[in-house]
Structures are given as structure tokens and as C-alpha cells.
Protein backbone atom coordinates (compact mmCIF):
# COMPACT_ATOMS: atom_id res chain seq x y z
CA UNK A 1 -12.08 38.85 -31.03
CA UNK A 2 -15.08 39.17 -28.45
CA UNK A 3 -15.98 42.38 -26.94
CA UNK A 4 -15.31 41.31 -22.87
CA UNK A 5 -12.27 39.32 -22.09
CA UNK A 6 -12.28 37.20 -18.78
CA UNK A 7 -8.58 36.21 -17.65
CA UNK A 8 -7.72 33.76 -15.15
CA UNK A 9 -4.84 34.74 -12.82
CA UNK A 10 -2.70 31.98 -11.71
CA UNK A 11 -0.44 30.61 -14.77
CA UNK A 12 -2.32 32.78 -17.31
CA UNK A 13 -1.40 36.41 -15.93
CA UNK A 14 1.35 35.61 -13.20
CA UNK A 15 3.65 32.46 -12.58
CA UNK A 16 2.47 29.80 -10.26
CA UNK A 17 4.57 26.89 -9.15
CA UNK A 18 2.49 24.44 -7.16
CA UNK A 19 5.54 22.14 -6.33
CA UNK A 20 7.61 25.19 -4.48
CA UNK A 21 4.89 24.53 -1.99
CA UNK A 22 4.77 20.96 -1.90
CA UNK A 23 8.68 21.47 -1.52
CA UNK A 24 8.28 23.94 1.39
CA UNK A 25 5.64 21.57 3.12
CA UNK A 26 8.01 19.03 2.66
CA UNK A 27 10.78 20.51 4.61
CA UNK A 28 8.17 21.55 7.05
CA UNK A 29 7.60 17.45 8.03
CA UNK A 30 4.11 17.25 5.93
CA UNK A 31 2.49 13.68 5.96
CA UNK A 32 1.35 12.41 2.00
CA UNK A 33 -1.97 13.14 3.13
CA UNK A 34 -1.57 17.00 2.97
CA UNK A 35 -1.18 16.58 -0.88
CA UNK A 36 -4.74 15.08 -0.81
CA UNK A 37 -6.43 17.83 1.08
CA UNK A 38 -8.31 19.07 -1.45
CA UNK A 39 -11.46 19.82 0.50
CA UNK A 40 -9.73 22.10 2.66
CA UNK A 41 -7.96 23.90 -0.08
CA UNK A 42 -10.90 24.53 -1.83
CA UNK A 43 -12.62 25.82 1.42
CA UNK A 44 -10.22 28.51 1.29
CA UNK A 45 -10.80 29.42 -2.03
CA UNK A 46 -14.38 29.96 -1.29
CA UNK A 47 -13.75 31.85 1.80
CA UNK A 48 -15.34 29.08 4.08
CA UNK A 49 -12.19 29.67 5.96
CA UNK A 50 -9.98 32.26 7.17
CA UNK A 51 -6.26 32.15 6.96
CA UNK A 52 -5.81 31.21 10.42
CA UNK A 53 -8.70 28.32 10.40
CA UNK A 54 -6.93 27.25 7.10
CA UNK A 55 -3.30 27.04 8.73
CA UNK A 56 -4.67 25.30 12.13
CA UNK A 57 -6.78 22.44 10.00
CA UNK A 58 -3.63 21.77 7.77
CA UNK A 59 -1.68 21.55 11.24
CA UNK A 60 -2.59 17.87 11.98
CA UNK A 61 -0.79 16.77 8.51
CA UNK A 62 2.84 17.50 9.78
CA UNK A 63 4.90 14.99 11.76
CA UNK A 64 6.27 17.82 13.76
CA UNK A 65 3.93 19.66 15.86
CA UNK A 66 3.33 23.29 16.83
CA UNK A 67 5.00 24.32 13.86
CA UNK A 68 4.51 28.27 13.91
CA UNK A 69 1.77 29.43 11.65
CA UNK A 70 3.99 31.87 9.74
CA UNK A 71 6.55 29.13 8.48
CA UNK A 72 3.32 27.11 7.35
CA UNK A 73 1.87 30.30 5.68
CA UNK A 74 5.47 31.16 4.23
CA UNK A 75 5.07 27.19 2.43
CA UNK A 76 1.64 27.87 1.07
CA UNK A 77 2.64 31.02 -0.10
CA UNK A 78 6.17 29.67 -2.01
CA UNK A 79 4.05 29.08 -4.98
CA UNK A 80 3.74 32.30 -5.93
CA UNK A 81 7.38 32.89 -6.75
CA UNK A 82 7.15 36.31 -8.97
CA UNK A 83 5.66 39.54 -9.84
CA UNK A 84 3.48 39.97 -12.67
CA UNK A 85 5.13 39.51 -16.02
CA UNK A 86 5.57 43.50 -17.36
CA UNK A 87 5.18 41.97 -20.58
CA UNK A 88 1.40 40.67 -19.30
CA UNK A 89 0.40 44.18 -17.96
CA UNK A 90 1.35 45.44 -21.38
CA UNK A 91 -0.75 43.11 -23.32
CA UNK A 92 -3.73 44.23 -20.98
CA UNK A 93 -3.49 47.84 -21.19
CA UNK A 94 -3.26 47.48 -24.99
CA UNK A 95 -6.44 44.89 -24.86
CA UNK A 96 -8.30 47.37 -22.64
CA UNK A 97 -8.23 50.38 -25.28
CA UNK A 98 -11.13 48.36 -27.06
CA UNK A 99 -11.85 45.70 -24.42
CA UNK A 100 -13.28 45.60 -21.42
CA UNK A 101 -11.30 43.00 -19.24
CA UNK A 102 -12.44 41.30 -16.16
CA UNK A 103 -10.19 39.25 -13.69
CA UNK A 104 -11.70 35.89 -12.52
CA UNK A 105 -9.40 33.37 -10.43
CA UNK A 106 -9.76 30.67 -8.21
CA UNK A 107 -7.58 32.11 -5.04
CA UNK A 108 -7.10 33.19 -1.23
CA UNK A 109 -6.35 36.24 0.66
CA UNK A 110 -2.54 34.86 1.64
CA UNK A 111 -2.04 34.11 -2.13
CA UNK A 112 -3.17 37.97 -2.88
CA UNK A 113 -1.40 39.35 -0.01
CA UNK A 114 1.90 37.40 -1.28
CA UNK A 115 1.08 39.06 -4.61
CA UNK A 116 0.75 42.59 -3.36
CA UNK A 117 4.28 41.98 -1.20
CA UNK A 118 6.25 41.11 -4.65
CA UNK A 119 4.65 43.33 -7.10
CA UNK A 120 4.78 46.23 -4.73
CA UNK A 121 1.37 48.53 -4.09
CA UNK A 122 1.75 50.42 -7.08
CA UNK A 123 2.33 47.87 -9.69
CA UNK A 124 -0.70 45.84 -8.22
CA UNK A 125 -2.66 48.85 -8.22
CA UNK A 126 -1.75 49.41 -11.58
CA UNK A 127 -2.45 45.97 -12.47
CA UNK A 128 -6.12 45.71 -10.98
CA UNK A 129 -6.81 49.32 -12.75
CA UNK A 130 -6.73 47.78 -16.23
CA UNK A 131 -10.03 45.57 -15.73
CA UNK A 132 -13.50 46.37 -15.08
CA UNK A 133 -14.08 44.37 -12.10
CA UNK A 134 -11.92 41.68 -9.95
CA UNK A 135 -13.46 38.71 -9.17
CA UNK A 136 -11.39 36.66 -6.69
CA UNK A 137 -13.27 33.13 -5.53
CA UNK A 138 -12.64 33.92 -1.55
CA UNK A 139 -14.42 36.73 -1.91
CA UNK A 140 -17.18 35.58 -3.93
CA UNK A 141 -18.08 32.30 -1.95
CA UNK A 142 -17.74 29.78 -5.04
CA UNK A 143 -14.82 29.09 -7.18
CA UNK A 144 -14.33 27.78 -10.93
CA UNK A 145 -15.80 25.49 -12.55
CA UNK A 146 -18.79 25.84 -10.22
CA UNK A 147 -21.15 27.51 -12.47
CA UNK A 148 -22.24 29.87 -9.70
CA UNK A 149 -19.04 31.35 -10.19
CA UNK A 150 -19.85 32.32 -13.67
CA UNK A 151 -22.88 32.98 -13.64
CA UNK A 152 -22.49 35.86 -10.72
CA UNK A 153 -20.06 37.73 -13.38
CA UNK A 154 -22.29 37.16 -15.92
CA UNK A 155 -25.07 38.39 -14.07
CA UNK A 156 -23.63 41.45 -12.20
CA UNK A 157 -21.79 43.06 -15.00
CA UNK A 158 -24.95 42.50 -17.43
CA UNK A 159 -22.79 40.60 -20.12
CA UNK A 160 -24.24 38.35 -22.80
CA UNK A 161 -21.91 35.19 -22.88
CA UNK A 162 -21.80 35.09 -26.47
CA UNK A 163 -19.60 38.24 -26.13
CA UNK A 164 -17.06 36.69 -24.07
CA UNK A 165 -13.53 35.36 -24.35
CA UNK A 166 -12.84 33.14 -21.22
CA UNK A 167 -8.81 32.07 -20.62
CA UNK A 168 -7.98 29.90 -18.44
CA UNK A 169 -5.23 27.08 -18.02
CA UNK A 170 -7.44 24.34 -16.56
CA UNK A 171 -9.55 22.25 -19.08
CA UNK A 172 -12.30 21.78 -16.50
CA UNK A 173 -12.78 25.09 -16.16
CA UNK A 174 -13.38 26.06 -20.01
CA UNK A 175 -15.36 23.43 -20.45
CA UNK A 176 -17.54 24.47 -17.51
CA UNK A 177 -17.60 27.97 -19.23
CA UNK A 178 -18.27 27.01 -22.76
CA UNK A 179 -21.49 25.11 -21.31
CA UNK A 180 -22.78 28.36 -19.96
CA UNK A 181 -22.08 30.06 -23.94
CA UNK A 182 -19.00 31.72 -23.01
CA UNK A 183 -16.39 31.66 -25.59
CA UNK A 184 -13.09 30.40 -24.35
CA UNK A 185 -9.33 29.17 -24.96
CA UNK A 186 -7.30 26.86 -22.74
CA UNK A 187 -4.15 28.26 -22.10
CA UNK A 188 -0.83 26.22 -21.75
CA UNK A 189 2.59 28.39 -20.97
CA UNK A 190 4.55 25.01 -22.35
CA UNK A 191 2.98 25.72 -25.82
CA UNK A 192 2.22 29.11 -26.32
CA UNK A 193 2.74 32.72 -25.08
CA UNK A 194 -0.52 34.56 -23.71
CA UNK A 195 -0.27 37.36 -26.58
CA UNK A 196 -0.06 34.75 -29.26
CA UNK A 197 -3.09 32.77 -27.63
CA UNK A 198 -5.41 36.06 -27.20
CA UNK A 199 -4.76 37.09 -30.90
CA UNK A 200 -5.17 33.55 -32.57
CA UNK A 201 -7.96 32.72 -34.54
């Protein structure tokens, strides 16, 4: 196994169900066009929009006017529905004995706060302490599958791509990392458990 292990966060290490947010938005009266606003979602993940700017930007895509930002935020966060599974924390504890671990995630401040609330401050801190460094897209100004995201991680941590293994649930992210010489594994939670994937040849 390569010396350096790069893990995606959502789906790989913590359950995420985007349909829960779509359902919550629908209950608030979302227009169909909201699901097509990938540019807005990506701007939030790059940190180009702060929380208030994002919530204000999606407001026009609802039939109802003057929806409370709190309700919009809760609907956006609905996809984050469970804390980090204990078995994943135990897996990371085992791996960090002989490998350097890095968390590399497309995410945003609202989701991270929701995850902190779900886990509690102790468990979340315990989790992040297992990594040499945590890379969140909204703090980096870039997101996967952009090459700039991966190149920043490699440069800052002085990592040889050939000595790195990147695990992600999205094929486009895996392909982008592979182009830079990083070893990769595509994770599908419906087909394999994370532990099995990590230790598979």
C-alpha cells in the first residue's frame, strides 16, 4: 500500500444522501430549476460565496418568497444526516500507524458545521487529528476534479504522486488524480465496504 493515503470525506468516510436535501427543498416550494444550479453549488464549495450569499442566491428558485435563511440552511444540510461511523474512525486509527493520512474534500462551511454538530466537538476533533492535514475546498479556493486542488496538496505536503493513494466516490475526481500520477481507488458503498477496498490489491 502507498505511504500516503488521501481520503474523500462525504460518502467515503461519512454517510451523505443528497436526496434528503432535494426533498427538504421541495417541501419549501423549490422550483425545478434549483436542481440545475450547479454553478452556485460549486461557487459555495470554492469559497467564492459565503453562507449568507449562497442562501440569498438560491432564494429566487422557490415559489414562496421570504423563506427564512434558517429553513434554507436546514434543507441544504439535510443530506448530512449521521455522524462519522465509529468503524471508519477505527480504520483510520489503524492506518495512521504506518501511513500519513490526508482528508481532501469538496465541501462548504455549513456542511462542516452540521457534521461537527452531529459528531460533537470531541469526536470531530478526534477524527481530524488522525490526518496530517485537512483540505476543504471552500478553504482552498479550488475543488475536485480541478488539477489545482490536487497540485496544491502535493506541493504543500511535498508528496510524490506515485507514493499516494486517493480514494473517492466520484469517477471524475479519480480520473483527475490519476492524470497527475496518483494511485486511485473508486469507492462504491453499495458494492464494497471501505475497509475491504483499502486493503484490496
